[in-house]
Amino acid sequence: MGLFPPIINGSLGATLQTVIAPEMQGHIFAFITRAAVPATSIALSIAGPFADRYLESLSNLPSNLSLDRRQFQCTDIHSDSNQNQTS
């Protein structure tokens, strides 16, 4: 998920524990958790179609190319097999 959610959630939890009375903390944290679950579902239902529509073109690389993530450049994955067939 990344680096920042634990930092933000930890800070939020600590802040809420200092300002909310101990007898109410269970109710407040339960409410926050119940609100977060549907929010996550809604966000994913929006992000999925968005990715399908606008990011699908990233998967349309030619079939003889693959993205080398270590070097951030395209390399021809069939060049070795083509050279072996011609010799």
N, C-alpha and C. Protein backbone atom coordinates (compact mmCIF):
# COMPACT_ATOMS: atom_id res chain seq x y z
N MET A 1 0.82 -1.20 0.00
CA MET A 1 0.00 0.00 0.00
C MET A 1 0.86 1.26 0.00
N GLY A 2 2.07 1.17 0.44
CA GLY A 2 2.93 2.34 0.41
C GLY A 2 3.44 2.72 1.78
N LEU A 3 4.15 3.80 1.80
CA LEU A 3 4.79 4.26 3.01
C LEU A 3 3.90 5.17 3.84
N PHE A 4 3.08 5.97 3.21
CA PHE A 4 2.35 7.01 3.93
C PHE A 4 1.10 6.57 4.69
N PRO A 5 0.32 5.59 4.24
CA PRO A 5 -0.86 5.20 5.02
C PRO A 5 -0.57 4.80 6.46
N PRO A 6 0.47 4.01 6.75
CA PRO A 6 0.73 3.71 8.16
C PRO A 6 1.08 4.95 8.98
N ILE A 7 1.80 5.87 8.37
CA ILE A 7 2.17 7.09 9.08
C ILE A 7 0.92 7.92 9.37
N ILE A 8 0.09 8.08 8.36
CA ILE A 8 -1.13 8.88 8.53
C ILE A 8 -2.09 8.21 9.50
N ASN A 9 -2.31 6.90 9.33
CA ASN A 9 -3.23 6.19 10.22
C ASN A 9 -2.73 6.17 11.66
N GLY A 10 -1.44 5.99 11.84
CA GLY A 10 -0.88 6.01 13.19
C GLY A 10 -1.03 7.36 13.85
N SER A 11 -0.76 8.41 13.09
CA SER A 11 -0.90 9.76 13.63
C SER A 11 -2.36 10.08 13.94
N LEU A 12 -3.26 9.67 13.05
CA LEU A 12 -4.69 9.91 13.28
C LEU A 12 -5.17 9.16 14.51
N GLY A 13 -4.76 7.90 14.64
CA GLY A 13 -5.16 7.11 15.80
C GLY A 13 -4.67 7.71 17.10
N ALA A 14 -3.40 8.13 17.11
CA ALA A 14 -2.84 8.73 18.33
C ALA A 14 -3.54 10.04 18.67
N THR A 15 -3.84 10.84 17.66
CA THR A 15 -4.53 12.11 17.89
C THR A 15 -5.93 11.87 18.43
N LEU A 16 -6.65 10.93 17.83
CA LEU A 16 -8.01 10.66 18.30
C LEU A 16 -8.02 10.10 19.72
N GLN A 17 -7.04 9.29 20.06
CA GLN A 17 -6.98 8.75 21.41
C GLN A 17 -6.73 9.84 22.45
N THR A 18 -6.07 10.91 22.07
CA THR A 18 -5.81 11.97 23.04
C THR A 18 -7.00 12.91 23.21
N VAL A 19 -7.85 13.04 22.18
CA VAL A 19 -8.95 14.01 22.28
C VAL A 19 -10.30 13.36 22.59
N ILE A 20 -10.41 12.04 22.45
CA ILE A 20 -11.69 11.37 22.69
C ILE A 20 -11.63 10.67 24.04
N ALA A 21 -12.70 10.79 24.78
CA ALA A 21 -12.78 10.15 26.10
C ALA A 21 -12.64 8.63 25.93
N PRO A 22 -11.93 7.97 26.86
CA PRO A 22 -11.69 6.52 26.73
C PRO A 22 -12.97 5.69 26.58
N GLU A 23 -14.05 6.09 27.23
CA GLU A 23 -15.28 5.29 27.13
C GLU A 23 -15.97 5.44 25.76
N MET A 24 -15.58 6.44 24.97
CA MET A 24 -16.17 6.65 23.65
C MET A 24 -15.26 6.18 22.51
N GLN A 25 -14.03 5.84 22.80
CA GLN A 25 -13.08 5.50 21.75
C GLN A 25 -13.52 4.29 20.92
N GLY A 26 -14.07 3.29 21.56
CA GLY A 26 -14.54 2.10 20.83
C GLY A 26 -15.62 2.45 19.82
N HIS A 27 -16.55 3.31 20.21
CA HIS A 27 -17.63 3.72 19.30
C HIS A 27 -17.08 4.53 18.12
N ILE A 28 -16.17 5.44 18.41
CA ILE A 28 -15.61 6.30 17.36
C ILE A 28 -14.77 5.49 16.38
N PHE A 29 -13.90 4.63 16.89
CA PHE A 29 -13.06 3.82 16.00
C PHE A 29 -13.89 2.83 15.20
N ALA A 30 -14.93 2.29 15.78
CA ALA A 30 -15.82 1.40 15.03
C ALA A 30 -16.52 2.15 13.90
N PHE A 31 -16.95 3.38 14.18
CA PHE A 31 -17.59 4.21 13.16
C PHE A 31 -16.61 4.52 12.03
N ILE A 32 -15.38 4.87 12.37
CA ILE A 32 -14.38 5.19 11.34
C ILE A 32 -14.12 3.96 10.47
N THR A 33 -14.01 2.80 11.08
CA THR A 33 -13.78 1.57 10.31
C THR A 33 -14.97 1.25 9.41
N ARG A 34 -16.19 1.41 9.93
CA ARG A 34 -17.38 1.16 9.12
C ARG A 34 -17.50 2.14 7.97
N ALA A 35 -17.04 3.36 8.15
CA ALA A 35 -17.08 4.34 7.06
C ALA A 35 -15.98 4.08 6.03
N ALA A 36 -14.85 3.54 6.46
CA ALA A 36 -13.73 3.31 5.54
C ALA A 36 -13.98 2.17 4.58
N VAL A 37 -14.67 1.14 5.02
CA VAL A 37 -14.89 -0.03 4.15
C VAL A 37 -15.72 0.34 2.92
N PRO A 38 -16.88 1.00 3.06
CA PRO A 38 -17.60 1.38 1.84
C PRO A 38 -16.85 2.41 1.00
N ALA A 39 -16.10 3.29 1.64
CA ALA A 39 -15.33 4.28 0.88
C ALA A 39 -14.29 3.59 0.01
N THR A 40 -13.67 2.54 0.53
CA THR A 40 -12.69 1.78 -0.27
C THR A 40 -13.37 1.10 -1.45
N SER A 41 -14.53 0.52 -1.23
CA SER A 41 -15.26 -0.14 -2.32
C SER A 41 -15.67 0.86 -3.40
N ILE A 42 -16.11 2.03 -2.98
CA ILE A 42 -16.51 3.06 -3.95
C ILE A 42 -15.29 3.53 -4.74
N ALA A 43 -14.18 3.74 -4.06
CA ALA A 43 -12.97 4.20 -4.75
C ALA A 43 -12.50 3.16 -5.76
N LEU A 44 -12.55 1.88 -5.40
CA LEU A 44 -12.12 0.85 -6.34
C LEU A 44 -13.09 0.71 -7.51
N SER A 45 -14.37 0.92 -7.27
CA SER A 45 -15.33 0.84 -8.38
C SER A 45 -15.17 2.00 -9.35
N ILE A 46 -14.59 3.09 -8.90
CA ILE A 46 -14.29 4.22 -9.80
C ILE A 46 -12.94 4.00 -10.48
N ALA A 47 -11.95 3.52 -9.73
CA ALA A 47 -10.60 3.35 -10.28
C ALA A 47 -10.53 2.26 -11.34
N GLY A 48 -11.32 1.20 -11.19
CA GLY A 48 -11.30 0.11 -12.16
C GLY A 48 -11.68 0.55 -13.57
N PRO A 49 -12.85 1.14 -13.76
CA PRO A 49 -13.21 1.61 -15.10
C PRO A 49 -12.27 2.71 -15.61
N PHE A 50 -11.78 3.56 -14.72
CA PHE A 50 -10.83 4.59 -15.13
C PHE A 50 -9.57 3.95 -15.70
N ALA A 51 -9.05 2.94 -15.01
CA ALA A 51 -7.85 2.25 -15.49
C ALA A 51 -8.13 1.54 -16.81
N ASP A 52 -9.29 0.92 -16.93
CA ASP A 52 -9.64 0.25 -18.18
C ASP A 52 -9.71 1.22 -19.35
N ARG A 53 -10.25 2.39 -19.10
CA ARG A 53 -10.44 3.33 -20.19
C ARG A 53 -9.17 4.09 -20.56
N TYR A 54 -8.43 4.56 -19.56
CA TYR A 54 -7.32 5.47 -19.84
C TYR A 54 -5.94 4.80 -19.77
N LEU A 55 -5.81 3.70 -19.08
CA LEU A 55 -4.50 3.08 -18.93
C LEU A 55 -4.34 1.81 -19.75
N GLU A 56 -5.38 1.41 -20.46
CA GLU A 56 -5.31 0.19 -21.25
C GLU A 56 -4.28 0.31 -22.37
N SER A 57 -4.07 1.51 -22.87
CA SER A 57 -3.12 1.69 -23.97
C SER A 57 -1.70 1.33 -23.56
N LEU A 58 -1.39 1.33 -22.26
CA LEU A 58 -0.05 0.95 -21.81
C LEU A 58 0.21 -0.53 -22.04
N SER A 59 -0.83 -1.33 -22.14
CA SER A 59 -0.64 -2.76 -22.37
C SER A 59 -0.61 -3.10 -23.85
N ASN A 60 -0.69 -2.12 -24.72
CA ASN A 60 -0.71 -2.37 -26.16
C ASN A 60 0.67 -2.26 -26.79
N LEU A 61 1.71 -2.70 -26.07
CA LEU A 61 3.04 -2.73 -26.65
C LEU A 61 3.08 -3.80 -27.73
N PRO A 62 3.92 -3.63 -28.74
CA PRO A 62 4.04 -4.70 -29.74
C PRO A 62 4.43 -6.01 -29.07
N SER A 63 4.01 -7.11 -29.64
CA SER A 63 4.20 -8.40 -28.99
C SER A 63 5.67 -8.80 -28.87
N ASN A 64 6.54 -8.23 -29.68
CA ASN A 64 7.95 -8.60 -29.60
C ASN A 64 8.74 -7.70 -28.66
N LEU A 65 8.06 -6.85 -27.92
CA LEU A 65 8.74 -5.97 -26.97
C LEU A 65 8.24 -6.25 -25.56
N SER A 66 9.12 -6.11 -24.61
CA SER A 66 8.71 -6.17 -23.22
C SER A 66 9.39 -5.04 -22.48
N LEU A 67 8.78 -4.53 -21.46
CA LEU A 67 9.32 -3.42 -20.71
C LEU A 67 10.28 -3.96 -19.65
N ASP A 68 11.53 -3.59 -19.77
CA ASP A 68 12.53 -4.00 -18.79
C ASP A 68 12.48 -3.01 -17.65
N ARG A 69 11.91 -3.43 -16.52
CA ARG A 69 11.68 -2.51 -15.40
C ARG A 69 12.98 -2.08 -14.75
N ARG A 70 14.02 -2.86 -14.85
CA ARG A 70 15.28 -2.48 -14.22
C ARG A 70 15.95 -1.34 -14.97
N GLN A 71 15.82 -1.28 -16.27
CA GLN A 71 16.50 -0.26 -17.05
C GLN A 71 15.55 0.79 -17.61
N PHE A 72 14.25 0.60 -17.44
CA PHE A 72 13.23 1.51 -17.93
C PHE A 72 13.38 1.76 -19.43
N GLN A 73 13.60 0.69 -20.17
CA GLN A 73 13.64 0.80 -21.61
C GLN A 73 13.05 -0.47 -22.21
N CYS A 74 12.65 -0.39 -23.45
CA CYS A 74 12.10 -1.55 -24.12
C CYS A 74 13.23 -2.38 -24.71
N THR A 75 13.12 -3.68 -24.55
CA THR A 75 14.11 -4.57 -25.14
C THR A 75 13.39 -5.59 -26.01
N ASP A 76 14.04 -6.02 -27.06
CA ASP A 76 13.47 -6.99 -27.99
C ASP A 76 13.71 -8.38 -27.43
N ILE A 77 12.65 -9.07 -27.01
CA ILE A 77 12.81 -10.37 -26.36
C ILE A 77 13.02 -11.50 -27.37
N HIS A 78 12.77 -11.24 -28.65
CA HIS A 78 12.90 -12.28 -29.66
C HIS A 78 14.20 -12.17 -30.45
N SER A 79 15.05 -11.21 -30.13
CA SER A 79 16.25 -11.00 -30.93
C SER A 79 17.20 -12.19 -30.84
N ASP A 80 17.35 -12.81 -29.67
CA ASP A 80 18.24 -13.96 -29.53
C ASP A 80 17.73 -15.16 -30.33
N SER A 81 16.44 -15.41 -30.27
CA SER A 81 15.89 -16.56 -30.99
C SER A 81 15.94 -16.33 -32.50
N ASN A 82 15.79 -15.07 -32.96
CA ASN A 82 15.86 -14.78 -34.39
C ASN A 82 17.29 -14.97 -34.90
N GLN A 83 18.28 -14.60 -34.12
CA GLN A 83 19.67 -14.77 -34.55
C GLN A 83 20.04 -16.24 -34.59
N ASN A 84 19.52 -17.03 -33.65
CA ASN A 84 19.83 -18.46 -33.63
C ASN A 84 19.20 -19.19 -34.82
N GLN A 85 18.05 -18.73 -35.28
CA GLN A 85 17.37 -19.38 -36.39
C GLN A 85 18.07 -19.09 -37.72
N THR A 86 18.68 -17.90 -37.85
CA THR A 86 19.31 -17.53 -39.12
C THR A 86 20.71 -18.13 -39.24
N SER A 87 21.33 -18.55 -38.13
CA SER A 87 22.69 -19.10 -38.26
C SER A 87 22.69 -20.59 -38.43
